[in-house]
Protein backbone atom coordinates (compact mmCIF):
# COMPACT_ATOMS: atom_id res chain seq x y z
CA MET A 1 -0.21 -0.29 -0.44
CA THR A 2 1.14 3.71 -1.11
CA THR A 3 1.83 6.00 1.93
CA GLY A 4 0.89 9.86 2.50
CA ALA A 5 4.36 10.62 1.95
CA GLU A 6 4.97 8.24 -0.97
CA THR A 7 2.63 9.22 -2.76
CA THR A 8 3.58 13.23 -2.15
CA LYS A 9 7.07 12.34 -3.40
CA THR A 10 5.84 10.77 -6.65
CA ALA A 11 4.08 13.89 -7.02
CA LEU A 12 6.27 16.19 -6.58
CA ALA A 13 8.65 13.89 -8.86
CA ALA A 14 6.18 14.55 -11.81
CA GLY A 15 5.75 18.38 -11.09
CA ASP A 16 9.99 18.38 -11.12
CA GLY A 17 9.65 16.38 -14.88
CA ASP A 18 9.84 19.93 -16.80
CA LEU A 19 12.55 21.47 -14.98
CA GLN A 20 14.59 18.04 -15.18
CA ALA A 21 14.18 18.22 -19.03
CA ARG A 22 15.72 21.69 -19.34
CA HIS A 23 18.71 21.16 -16.27
CA PRO A 24 18.70 17.04 -16.11
CA LYS A 25 22.05 17.49 -13.94
CA ALA A 26 19.83 20.18 -11.45
CA GLU A 27 21.12 19.25 -7.72
CA GLU A 28 18.08 19.45 -5.23
CA ILE A 29 19.01 21.64 -2.72
CA LEU A 30 15.81 21.96 -0.80
CA SER A 31 13.36 19.77 0.17
CA VAL A 32 10.32 20.51 2.30
CA GLU A 33 8.45 17.48 3.32
CA ASP A 34 5.08 17.51 5.02
CA LEU A 35 6.16 20.70 6.62
CA THR A 36 3.54 21.94 9.77
CA VAL A 37 3.22 25.53 11.86
CA HIS A 38 0.38 25.59 14.61
CA PHE A 39 0.71 28.53 16.81
CA PRO A 40 -1.66 27.54 20.45
CA ILE A 41 -4.56 30.34 21.02
CA ARG A 42 -4.34 30.74 24.71
CA SER A 43 -7.06 32.35 26.88
CA GLY A 44 -8.06 33.10 30.57
CA LEU A 45 -6.01 34.81 33.25
CA LEU A 46 -3.40 31.23 33.25
CA ARG A 47 -2.69 31.71 29.58
CA ARG A 48 -4.47 28.09 28.93
CA VAL A 49 -4.20 26.62 25.33
CA VAL A 50 -7.86 26.52 23.86
CA GLY A 51 -7.03 25.87 20.08
CA ARG A 52 -4.17 26.25 17.85
CA VAL A 53 -3.79 28.30 13.85
CA HIS A 54 -2.93 26.09 11.69
CA ALA A 55 -0.96 28.75 10.00
CA VAL A 56 0.70 25.42 7.64
CA ASP A 57 -0.23 22.01 7.49
CA GLY A 58 1.42 19.67 5.22
CA VAL A 59 3.70 21.55 2.83
CA SER A 60 5.62 19.63 0.56
CA PHE A 61 8.09 20.74 -2.22
CA THR A 62 11.36 20.44 -3.59
CA LEU A 63 14.23 23.23 -5.16
CA ALA A 64 16.73 22.57 -7.39
CA ALA A 65 19.78 24.02 -7.85
CA GLY A 66 19.40 27.18 -10.07
CA GLU A 67 15.18 26.69 -10.19
CA THR A 68 12.67 29.34 -9.18
CA LEU A 69 9.73 28.21 -7.28
CA GLY A 70 6.86 30.73 -6.98
CA LEU A 71 4.83 29.93 -4.02
CA VAL A 72 1.51 31.69 -4.50
CA GLY A 73 -1.72 32.59 -2.71
CA GLU A 74 -3.94 34.60 -0.80
CA SER A 75 -3.10 37.01 1.80
CA GLY A 76 -2.88 34.54 4.79
CA CYS A 77 -2.94 31.25 3.21
CA GLY A 78 0.48 30.79 5.11
CA LYS A 79 3.54 31.46 2.34
CA SER A 80 5.36 33.83 4.52
CA THR A 81 5.11 31.58 7.92
CA THR A 82 6.49 28.74 5.48
CA ALA A 83 9.42 31.12 4.27
CA LEU A 84 10.16 31.77 8.22
CA ALA A 85 10.06 28.19 9.47
CA ILE A 86 12.58 26.90 6.22
CA MET A 87 14.56 30.25 7.92
CA ARG A 88 13.79 29.00 11.10
CA LEU A 89 12.77 31.82 12.83
CA VAL A 90 9.31 30.28 13.74
CA ASP A 91 9.69 27.37 14.78
CA ALA A 92 7.80 24.11 12.83
CA THR A 93 5.27 21.89 14.58
CA ALA A 94 6.52 19.13 12.38
CA GLY A 95 7.86 17.99 9.34
CA HIS A 96 11.49 17.99 7.28
CA ILE A 97 13.44 21.01 5.75
CA ARG A 98 16.39 19.71 4.35
CA TYR A 99 19.26 21.85 2.83
CA LYS A 100 21.19 19.26 0.85
CA GLY A 101 20.08 16.45 2.70
CA ARG A 102 20.62 18.07 6.03
CA ASP A 103 17.81 18.32 8.30
CA LEU A 104 17.64 21.62 9.56
CA LEU A 105 14.76 21.20 11.75
CA GLY A 106 17.57 18.81 13.93
CA TYR A 107 19.80 21.65 13.96
CA SER A 108 21.20 23.84 17.03
CA ARG A 109 21.29 27.89 16.89
CA ARG A 110 24.53 27.61 16.59
CA ASP A 111 24.95 24.87 13.75
CA MET A 112 21.87 27.06 12.18
CA ARG A 113 24.43 30.07 11.87
CA GLU A 114 26.70 28.18 9.03
CA ILE A 115 23.46 26.95 7.31
CA ARG A 116 22.44 30.91 7.22
CA ARG A 117 25.77 31.34 4.94
CA SER A 118 24.09 29.21 2.07
CA VAL A 119 20.26 30.08 2.90
CA GLN A 120 19.31 33.85 3.19
CA ILE A 121 15.77 36.04 3.11
CA VAL A 122 14.74 38.83 1.45
CA PHE A 123 11.75 40.77 3.08
CA GLN A 124 8.55 42.25 1.70
CA ASP A 125 9.09 45.68 3.32
CA PRO A 126 12.92 47.26 2.63
CA ASN A 127 11.82 49.96 5.28
CA GLY A 128 11.01 47.52 7.93
CA SER A 129 13.98 45.33 7.23
CA LEU A 130 16.75 47.32 7.26
CA ASN A 131 18.24 49.24 10.52
CA PRO A 132 17.84 53.20 10.15
CA ARG A 133 20.38 53.81 12.30
CA MET A 134 22.93 51.89 10.72
CA ASN A 135 24.48 53.39 7.08
CA VAL A 136 24.62 51.12 4.29
CA HIS A 137 28.24 50.29 4.53
CA SER A 138 27.36 48.78 7.94
CA ILE A 139 23.84 47.22 7.19
CA VAL A 140 25.91 45.21 4.39
CA ALA A 141 29.03 44.28 6.03
CA GLU A 142 26.76 43.09 9.19
CA PRO A 143 26.94 39.75 7.71
CA LEU A 144 30.80 39.70 6.86
CA GLN A 145 31.54 40.64 10.35
CA ILE A 146 28.93 37.91 12.00
CA HIS A 147 30.75 35.08 9.74
CA GLY A 148 34.49 36.03 10.69
CA MET A 149 35.94 38.63 8.23
CA SER A 150 37.56 40.80 10.26
CA ASP A 151 39.98 42.98 8.20
CA ARG A 152 38.07 46.07 7.38
CA LYS A 153 39.81 46.76 4.33
CA GLU A 154 38.46 43.49 2.93
CA ARG A 155 34.53 44.40 3.91
CA ARG A 156 34.87 47.45 2.42
CA ALA A 157 35.69 46.30 -0.99
CA ARG A 158 32.95 43.43 -0.27
CA VAL A 159 30.78 45.79 0.24
CA ALA A 160 31.40 48.38 -2.82
CA ALA A 161 31.33 44.85 -5.23
CA LEU A 162 27.91 44.06 -3.50
CA LEU A 163 26.38 47.53 -4.15
CA GLN A 164 27.75 47.23 -7.78
CA MET A 165 26.35 43.79 -7.88
CA VAL A 166 22.71 44.88 -7.30
CA GLY A 167 23.21 48.22 -9.56
CA LEU A 168 24.22 51.01 -6.83
CA GLN A 169 26.88 52.70 -6.61
CA PRO A 170 30.15 52.32 -3.92
CA GLU A 171 29.48 56.02 -2.88
CA HIS A 172 26.13 55.02 -1.58
CA ALA A 173 27.54 53.21 1.36
CA ASN A 174 27.63 56.16 3.46
CA ARG A 175 24.06 57.29 3.23
CA TYR A 176 21.25 56.09 5.15
CA PRO A 177 17.89 53.74 4.69
CA HIS A 178 16.11 57.19 4.61
CA GLN A 179 17.87 58.57 2.05
CA PHE A 180 16.64 56.08 -0.69
CA SER A 181 13.22 54.93 -2.93
CA GLY A 182 11.64 52.00 -1.93
CA GLY A 183 12.97 50.31 -5.16
CA GLN A 184 16.97 51.07 -3.83
CA LEU A 185 16.21 49.84 -0.51
CA GLN A 186 15.02 46.45 -1.82
CA ARG A 187 18.65 46.37 -3.66
CA ILE A 188 20.65 47.09 -0.50
CA GLY A 189 18.39 44.30 0.91
CA ILE A 190 19.52 41.62 -2.13
CA ALA A 191 22.82 43.09 -1.49
CA ARG A 192 22.55 42.29 1.73
CA ALA A 193 21.53 38.76 1.13
CA LEU A 194 24.42 38.15 -1.11
CA ALA A 195 27.02 39.02 1.12
CA LEU A 196 28.16 35.89 2.25
CA ASP A 197 27.33 33.73 -1.70
CA PRO A 198 24.30 31.91 -0.51
CA GLN A 199 22.90 29.10 -2.42
CA VAL A 200 19.60 30.15 -2.16
CA LEU A 201 17.21 33.17 -1.68
CA VAL A 202 14.00 32.97 0.18
CA LEU A 203 12.05 36.15 -0.95
CA ASP A 204 9.41 37.13 0.83
CA GLU A 205 6.71 39.51 -1.40
CA PRO A 206 10.52 41.37 -2.42
CA VAL A 207 8.37 43.71 -4.93
CA SER A 208 4.62 44.08 -3.72
CA ALA A 209 5.37 46.77 -1.92
CA LEU A 210 6.70 48.75 -4.65
CA ASP A 211 5.66 50.36 -8.18
CA VAL A 212 5.17 48.67 -11.06
CA SER A 213 7.63 50.01 -13.04
CA ILE A 214 10.36 49.66 -10.11
CA GLN A 215 8.87 46.06 -9.55
CA ALA A 216 10.44 45.04 -13.25
CA GLN A 217 13.63 46.36 -12.66
CA ILE A 218 13.86 44.58 -9.63
CA ILE A 219 12.47 41.20 -11.31
CA SER A 220 15.23 41.86 -13.80
CA LEU A 221 17.99 42.02 -11.07
CA LEU A 222 16.99 38.87 -9.68
CA GLU A 223 17.01 36.77 -13.00
CA ARG A 224 20.80 38.58 -13.68
CA LEU A 225 21.58 37.69 -10.40
CA GLN A 226 20.14 34.02 -10.93
CA ASP A 227 22.49 33.75 -14.26
CA GLU A 228 25.66 35.09 -12.99
CA LEU A 229 25.46 33.33 -9.64
CA GLY A 230 23.56 30.50 -10.33
CA LEU A 231 21.04 31.11 -7.11
CA ALA A 232 18.11 28.88 -6.68
CA TYR A 233 15.04 31.41 -5.40
CA LEU A 234 11.63 30.44 -3.59
CA PHE A 235 9.65 33.64 -5.00
CA ILE A 236 6.62 34.33 -2.51
CA SER A 237 3.76 36.17 -3.85
CA HIS A 238 0.51 36.68 -4.23
CA ASP A 239 0.80 38.73 -7.85
CA LEU A 240 0.57 35.65 -10.55
CA SER A 241 1.88 38.27 -13.22
CA VAL A 242 4.79 38.44 -11.70
CA VAL A 243 5.25 34.47 -10.90
CA ARG A 244 4.42 33.68 -14.15
CA HIS A 245 7.13 35.70 -15.48
CA ILE A 246 10.10 34.93 -13.21
CA ALA A 247 9.18 31.05 -11.78
CA ASP A 248 10.33 27.75 -13.34
CA ARG A 249 7.35 25.98 -11.18
CA VAL A 250 4.41 26.88 -9.02
CA ALA A 251 3.09 25.71 -6.45
CA VAL A 252 -0.28 27.06 -5.20
CA MET A 253 -1.27 27.28 -1.58
CA TYR A 254 -4.75 27.80 -0.28
CA LEU A 255 -5.47 27.88 4.05
CA GLY A 256 -1.54 26.47 4.84
CA SER A 257 -1.59 23.52 2.02
CA ILE A 258 -0.28 23.52 -1.38
CA VAL A 259 -3.37 22.51 -3.56
CA GLU A 260 -1.47 22.17 -7.07
CA ILE A 261 1.97 22.55 -8.49
CA GLY A 262 3.91 21.63 -11.43
CA CYS A 263 5.51 23.74 -14.18
CA ARG A 264 4.64 27.21 -14.57
CA ASP A 265 3.40 26.94 -18.86
CA ASP A 266 1.27 23.60 -17.42
CA VAL A 267 0.18 25.63 -14.25
CA TYR A 268 -1.08 28.79 -16.18
CA HIS A 269 -2.17 27.39 -19.43
CA ARG A 270 -4.13 23.88 -18.21
CA PRO A 271 -4.68 24.65 -14.13
CA THR A 272 -6.76 21.68 -12.70
CA HIS A 273 -7.21 22.25 -9.37
CA PRO A 274 -10.55 25.04 -8.88
CA TYR A 275 -8.93 27.04 -6.74
CA THR A 276 -5.91 27.91 -9.17
CA GLN A 277 -8.57 28.36 -11.78
CA SER A 278 -10.07 30.98 -9.85
CA LEU A 279 -7.02 32.85 -9.26
CA LEU A 280 -6.29 32.35 -12.80
CA SER A 281 -10.04 33.90 -14.12
CA ALA A 282 -9.03 37.09 -12.27
CA VAL A 283 -5.99 38.54 -13.40
CA PRO A 284 -6.04 41.38 -15.58
CA VAL A 285 -5.85 40.54 -19.35
CA PRO A 286 -4.90 43.15 -21.97
CA ASP A 287 -7.83 43.17 -23.80
CA PRO A 288 -10.84 43.08 -21.58
CA SER A 289 -12.92 41.68 -24.44
CA SER A 290 -11.89 38.45 -24.65
CA GLU A 291 -12.62 37.87 -20.79
CA HIS A 292 -15.71 36.09 -21.44
CA ARG A 293 -13.75 33.64 -23.81
CA SER A 294 -12.15 32.20 -20.69
CA GLY A 295 -15.29 32.48 -18.45
CA ARG A 296 -14.39 34.49 -15.15
CA ILE A 297 -15.38 32.16 -11.75
CA VAL A 298 -16.55 34.23 -9.23
CA LEU A 299 -15.95 32.55 -5.54
CA GLU A 300 -18.22 32.88 -3.18
CA GLY A 301 -17.92 33.37 0.77
CA ASP A 302 -15.07 34.29 2.68
CA ILE A 303 -11.54 31.62 3.58
CA PRO A 304 -12.41 30.27 6.52
CA SER A 305 -10.86 30.57 9.64
CA ALA A 306 -7.62 28.86 9.99
CA SER A 307 -8.25 28.01 13.47
CA ASN A 308 -11.01 26.16 12.65
CA PRO A 309 -10.20 24.79 8.90
CA PRO A 310 -13.07 22.90 7.01
CA SER A 311 -12.96 18.76 7.46
CA GLY A 312 -11.46 16.89 4.35
CA CYS A 313 -11.14 19.74 0.99
CA ARG A 314 -10.07 23.13 2.76
CA PHE A 315 -11.57 24.79 -0.55
CA ARG A 316 -15.08 22.87 -0.40
CA THR A 317 -16.42 25.78 1.63
CA ARG A 318 -16.30 27.69 -1.56
CA CYS A 319 -15.88 25.54 -4.59
CA TRP A 320 -18.26 24.77 -7.36
CA LYS A 321 -17.21 21.16 -7.53
CA ALA A 322 -17.99 20.15 -3.82
CA GLN A 323 -19.74 16.71 -3.35
CA ASP A 324 -20.03 14.71 0.00
CA ARG A 325 -16.76 13.31 -0.72
CA CYS A 326 -15.06 16.49 -0.18
CA ALA A 327 -16.14 16.85 3.07
CA ALA A 328 -15.14 13.33 4.08
CA GLU A 329 -12.24 12.79 2.69
CA VAL A 330 -8.32 15.12 2.70
CA PRO A 331 -8.09 14.65 -1.34
CA GLU A 332 -4.52 14.04 -1.95
CA LEU A 333 -2.11 16.14 -3.75
CA VAL A 334 -1.48 13.70 -6.91
CA ASP A 335 -1.38 13.55 -10.69
CA ARG A 336 -4.82 12.18 -11.60
CA LEU A 337 -4.90 13.87 -15.20
CA GLY A 338 -1.51 12.41 -16.25
CA HIS A 339 -0.35 15.89 -17.11
CA GLY A 340 2.78 15.75 -14.81
CA HIS A 341 1.48 18.23 -12.59
CA PRO A 342 -0.78 16.98 -9.39
CA SER A 343 -3.32 19.01 -7.37
CA ALA A 344 -5.69 18.15 -4.44
CA CYS A 345 -9.13 17.70 -5.44
CA HIS A 346 -11.06 14.34 -6.05
CA PHE A 347 -12.70 16.07 -9.35
CA ALA A 348 -9.74 17.70 -11.09
CA THR A 349 -11.08 19.16 -14.63
CA GLU A 350 -8.73 21.22 -17.22
CA GLU A 351 -9.31 24.68 -17.21
CA ARG A 352 -10.33 24.92 -20.91
CA GLU A 353 -13.22 22.38 -19.97
CA LEU A 354 -14.64 25.36 -18.16
CA GLN A 355 -14.46 27.77 -20.25
CA GLY A 356 -18.17 29.94 -20.30
CA SER A 357 -19.03 28.61 -17.36
CA GLY A 358 -17.96 31.38 -15.09
């Protein structure tokens, strides 16, 4: 009998097919398996635990060297919590996070210090992630100092090189965060993340706080850096248009779980999960007159509470396909239609079969 973990691994392998075709020697560098993060809800004078917020429930995916995996979904679905758990900035309740085969959840804080040389994060809000009392040189050089580069001259040269790498000038090193625009601040955050020559960057909504024109510049910068440095990206965003531009593969998340994962073109052109179909149907198109041909899907109701998720399929309370089976049985993330990308739906159907039904 096939176990749930084996089914997940088979599904992820299917979703990796396109990447392996383009990068046959790509090494699996990061693996997340059945990651669960629950936060306790406390109440009363004694602060007793009366419930739990199911922020992340059984999330699994892999990331290969040089690949970009886009993690998409609505606000509050658990994307950022997944990122923080990978970085060990929040505690995982269960699961495994493996970097080059080493399970990070068993590492001490001291051991994690070495891993963080290789796995870095860029946060959503550059204003909030940079110390306003430190100049740019100190901000970018801080990781170098923490990890043992004690020579001041070497640090200064490294900071100058990093600033030029992200499109800033060496003289910017003496300025403070309030003297920069939002796009420039995000470049500084990227430079800081690159200081220790990481192999993986976790990018948590890196362009969502920026103007559209600046977003394009940052995306172009990230693509160039990936080509030059061979970086792997976990790119987290709620913007499907941005993810479509940069990602090799896409994982769609809903209420703490991944509901569909596969290569970018398959997920965007042949989505099989109703939630993915509804998200894509809401993406603006250049020609509004063509929207009627794709069938706009309007979801009813609100996202359920993560402290009391629905039984069975978590999407069933908003799904037009929901049946009794959906309430009784949790759908596995499997490739039911043989397209090479799995989805967690008992009644998975190609998007093109739904056209005109919105």
